[in-house]
């Protein structure tokens, strides 16, 4: 019998990928903007513990920019929800506000000294 090749060990996700996944998971549960701000604070603490200041700054910029684009898309999506669907509209508005909170939290951390 032929042996199957050993599976290559999986690489750990990049710090920005891990942060994005963490924030997306919490966001999908319908978290409030305040909760997302606290979650970003935790993510930033983890990033600062795992990288050099220059790397951390690059990661924060990448995450801020990514969530800025997502916030714009979420705001546009709110406008597409039929106003008669109150629950769907409320959910879309909360998601858009949470994305803005994430973007703003990353921006705040970029402005603060490390």
C-alpha atoms as a PDB file:
ATOM      1  CA  UNK A   1       0.000   0.000   0.000  1.00  0.00           C
ATOM      2  CA  UNK A   2       1.250   3.442  -0.856  1.00  0.00           C
ATOM      3  CA  UNK A   3       1.670   5.812   1.994  1.00  0.00           C
ATOM      4  CA  UNK A   4       0.073   9.186   1.684  1.00  0.00           C
ATOM      5  CA  UNK A   5       2.527  12.041   2.015  1.00  0.00           C
ATOM      6  CA  UNK A   6       2.659  13.628   5.411  1.00  0.00           C
ATOM      7  CA  UNK A   7       0.599  16.756   5.579  1.00  0.00           C
ATOM      8  CA  UNK A   8       2.677  19.863   5.640  1.00  0.00           C
ATOM      9  CA  UNK A   9       2.428  21.666   8.941  1.00  0.00           C
ATOM     10  CA  UNK A  10       0.085  24.596   8.771  1.00  0.00           C
ATOM     11  CA  UNK A  11       1.573  28.013   9.173  1.00  0.00           C
ATOM     12  CA  UNK A  12       0.064  30.257  11.758  1.00  0.00           C
ATOM     13  CA  UNK A  13      -2.040  32.995  10.195  1.00  0.00           C
ATOM     14  CA  UNK A  14      -0.482  36.410   9.856  1.00  0.00           C
ATOM     15  CA  UNK A  15      -1.137  38.746  12.781  1.00  0.00           C
ATOM     16  CA  UNK A  16      -3.487  40.845  10.669  1.00  0.00           C
ATOM     17  CA  UNK A  17      -5.378  37.765   9.450  1.00  0.00           C
ATOM     18  CA  UNK A  18      -5.762  36.511  13.021  1.00  0.00           C
ATOM     19  CA  UNK A  19      -6.971  39.947  14.163  1.00  0.00           C
ATOM     20  CA  UNK A  20      -9.423  40.204  11.281  1.00  0.00           C
ATOM     21  CA  UNK A  21     -10.792  36.739  12.016  1.00  0.00           C
ATOM     22  CA  UNK A  22     -11.200  37.524  15.712  1.00  0.00           C
ATOM     23  CA  UNK A  23     -13.016  40.796  15.029  1.00  0.00           C
ATOM     24  CA  UNK A  24     -15.181  39.292  12.298  1.00  0.00           C
ATOM     25  CA  UNK A  25     -16.272  36.468  14.590  1.00  0.00           C
ATOM     26  CA  UNK A  26     -17.398  38.893  17.291  1.00  0.00           C
ATOM     27  CA  UNK A  27     -19.002  41.182  14.721  1.00  0.00           C
ATOM     28  CA  UNK A  28     -21.039  38.323  13.238  1.00  0.00           C
ATOM     29  CA  UNK A  29     -22.614  37.771  16.634  1.00  0.00           C
ATOM     30  CA  UNK A  30     -24.164  41.226  16.417  1.00  0.00           C
ATOM     31  CA  UNK A  31     -21.824  42.960  18.848  1.00  0.00           C
ATOM     32  CA  UNK A  32     -22.403  46.597  19.679  1.00  0.00           C
ATOM     33  CA  UNK A  33     -19.982  49.348  18.637  1.00  0.00           C
ATOM     34  CA  UNK A  34     -18.776  49.625  22.264  1.00  0.00           C
ATOM     35  CA  UNK A  35     -18.032  45.905  22.380  1.00  0.00           C
ATOM     36  CA  UNK A  36     -16.119  46.119  19.110  1.00  0.00           C
ATOM     37  CA  UNK A  37     -14.030  48.996  20.475  1.00  0.00           C
ATOM     38  CA  UNK A  38     -13.092  46.884  23.494  1.00  0.00           C
ATOM     39  CA  UNK A  39     -12.306  43.949  21.210  1.00  0.00           C
ATOM     40  CA  UNK A  40      -9.983  46.149  19.114  1.00  0.00           C
ATOM     41  CA  UNK A  41      -8.210  47.201  22.316  1.00  0.00           C
ATOM     42  CA  UNK A  42      -7.554  43.530  23.057  1.00  0.00           C
ATOM     43  CA  UNK A  43      -6.364  42.874  19.517  1.00  0.00           C
ATOM     44  CA  UNK A  44      -3.966  45.814  19.684  1.00  0.00           C
ATOM     45  CA  UNK A  45      -2.567  44.584  23.009  1.00  0.00           C
ATOM     46  CA  UNK A  46      -1.936  41.175  21.404  1.00  0.00           C
ATOM     47  CA  UNK A  47      -0.301  42.742  18.347  1.00  0.00           C
ATOM     48  CA  UNK A  48       1.969  44.923  20.465  1.00  0.00           C
ATOM     49  CA  UNK A  49       3.050  41.874  22.464  1.00  0.00           C
ATOM     50  CA  UNK A  50       3.940  39.936  19.331  1.00  0.00           C
ATOM     51  CA  UNK A  51       5.779  42.422  17.152  1.00  0.00           C
ATOM     52  CA  UNK A  52       8.231  45.230  16.800  1.00  0.00           C
ATOM     53  CA  UNK A  53       6.802  48.776  16.909  1.00  0.00           C
ATOM     54  CA  UNK A  54       7.248  49.315  13.164  1.00  0.00           C
ATOM     55  CA  UNK A  55       5.518  46.014  12.368  1.00  0.00           C
ATOM     56  CA  UNK A  56       2.696  46.824  14.783  1.00  0.00           C
ATOM     57  CA  UNK A  57       2.175  50.222  13.151  1.00  0.00           C
ATOM     58  CA  UNK A  58       1.987  48.595   9.711  1.00  0.00           C
ATOM     59  CA  UNK A  59      -0.497  45.998  10.999  1.00  0.00           C
ATOM     60  CA  UNK A  60      -2.660  48.683  12.601  1.00  0.00           C
ATOM     61  CA  UNK A  61      -2.671  50.732   9.393  1.00  0.00           C
ATOM     62  CA  UNK A  62      -3.596  47.676   7.351  1.00  0.00           C
ATOM     63  CA  UNK A  63      -6.437  46.781   9.715  1.00  0.00           C
ATOM     64  CA  UNK A  64      -7.701  50.369   9.911  1.00  0.00           C
ATOM     65  CA  UNK A  65      -7.720  50.682   6.131  1.00  0.00           C
ATOM     66  CA  UNK A  66      -9.444  47.328   5.676  1.00  0.00           C
ATOM     67  CA  UNK A  67     -12.163  48.161   8.164  1.00  0.00           C
ATOM     68  CA  UNK A  68     -12.544  51.649   6.654  1.00  0.00           C
ATOM     69  CA  UNK A  69     -13.443  50.010   3.343  1.00  0.00           C
ATOM     70  CA  UNK A  70     -15.769  47.585   5.133  1.00  0.00           C
ATOM     71  CA  UNK A  71     -17.459  50.470   6.972  1.00  0.00           C
ATOM     72  CA  UNK A  72     -18.138  52.234   3.674  1.00  0.00           C
ATOM     73  CA  UNK A  73     -19.590  49.076   2.164  1.00  0.00           C
ATOM     74  CA  UNK A  74     -21.726  48.464   5.251  1.00  0.00           C
ATOM     75  CA  UNK A  75     -23.076  52.021   5.121  1.00  0.00           C
ATOM     76  CA  UNK A  76     -24.038  51.505   1.482  1.00  0.00           C
ATOM     77  CA  UNK A  77     -25.702  48.190   2.385  1.00  0.00           C
ATOM     78  CA  UNK A  78     -27.915  49.944   4.939  1.00  0.00           C
ATOM     79  CA  UNK A  79     -29.358  52.076   2.153  1.00  0.00           C
ATOM     80  CA  UNK A  80     -30.215  48.949   0.179  1.00  0.00           C
ATOM     81  CA  UNK A  81     -32.307  47.390   2.966  1.00  0.00           C
ATOM     82  CA  UNK A  82     -36.016  47.940   2.460  1.00  0.00           C
ATOM     83  CA  UNK A  83     -37.259  50.416   5.054  1.00  0.00           C
ATOM     84  CA  UNK A  84     -40.266  48.169   5.750  1.00  0.00           C
ATOM     85  CA  UNK A  85     -37.936  45.439   7.040  1.00  0.00           C
ATOM     86  CA  UNK A  86     -37.254  47.055  10.410  1.00  0.00           C
ATOM     87  CA  UNK A  87     -35.264  44.178  11.976  1.00  0.00           C
ATOM     88  CA  UNK A  88     -33.038  43.765   8.926  1.00  0.00           C
ATOM     89  CA  UNK A  89     -32.452  47.502   8.764  1.00  0.00           C
ATOM     90  CA  UNK A  90     -31.599  47.656  12.489  1.00  0.00           C
ATOM     91  CA  UNK A  91     -29.139  44.777  12.050  1.00  0.00           C
ATOM     92  CA  UNK A  92     -27.503  46.461   9.054  1.00  0.00           C
ATOM     93  CA  UNK A  93     -27.262  49.790  10.886  1.00  0.00           C
ATOM     94  CA  UNK A  94     -25.660  48.115  13.924  1.00  0.00           C
ATOM     95  CA  UNK A  95     -23.135  46.347  11.702  1.00  0.00           C
ATOM     96  CA  UNK A  96     -22.259  49.610   9.957  1.00  0.00           C
ATOM     97  CA  UNK A  97     -21.858  51.417  13.285  1.00  0.00           C
ATOM     98  CA  UNK A  98     -19.715  48.583  14.641  1.00  0.00           C
ATOM     99  CA  UNK A  99     -17.431  48.752  11.582  1.00  0.00           C
ATOM    100  CA  UNK A 100     -17.027  52.494  12.052  1.00  0.00           C
ATOM    101  CA  UNK A 101     -16.175  51.871  15.720  1.00  0.00           C
ATOM    102  CA  UNK A 102     -13.529  49.328  14.696  1.00  0.00           C
ATOM    103  CA  UNK A 103     -12.006  51.737  12.166  1.00  0.00           C
ATOM    104  CA  UNK A 104     -11.993  54.578  14.676  1.00  0.00           C
ATOM    105  CA  UNK A 105     -10.459  52.408  17.403  1.00  0.00           C
ATOM    106  CA  UNK A 106      -7.578  51.397  15.131  1.00  0.00           C
ATOM    107  CA  UNK A 107      -7.097  55.054  14.158  1.00  0.00           C
ATOM    108  CA  UNK A 108      -7.023  56.031  17.846  1.00  0.00           C
ATOM    109  CA  UNK A 109      -4.347  53.417  18.545  1.00  0.00           C
ATOM    110  CA  UNK A 110      -2.279  54.678  15.618  1.00  0.00           C
ATOM    111  CA  UNK A 111      -2.349  58.190  17.061  1.00  0.00           C
ATOM    112  CA  UNK A 112      -1.451  57.048  20.587  1.00  0.00           C
ATOM    113  CA  UNK A 113       2.145  56.389  21.563  1.00  0.00           C
ATOM    114  CA  UNK A 114       3.019  52.690  21.592  1.00  0.00           C
END
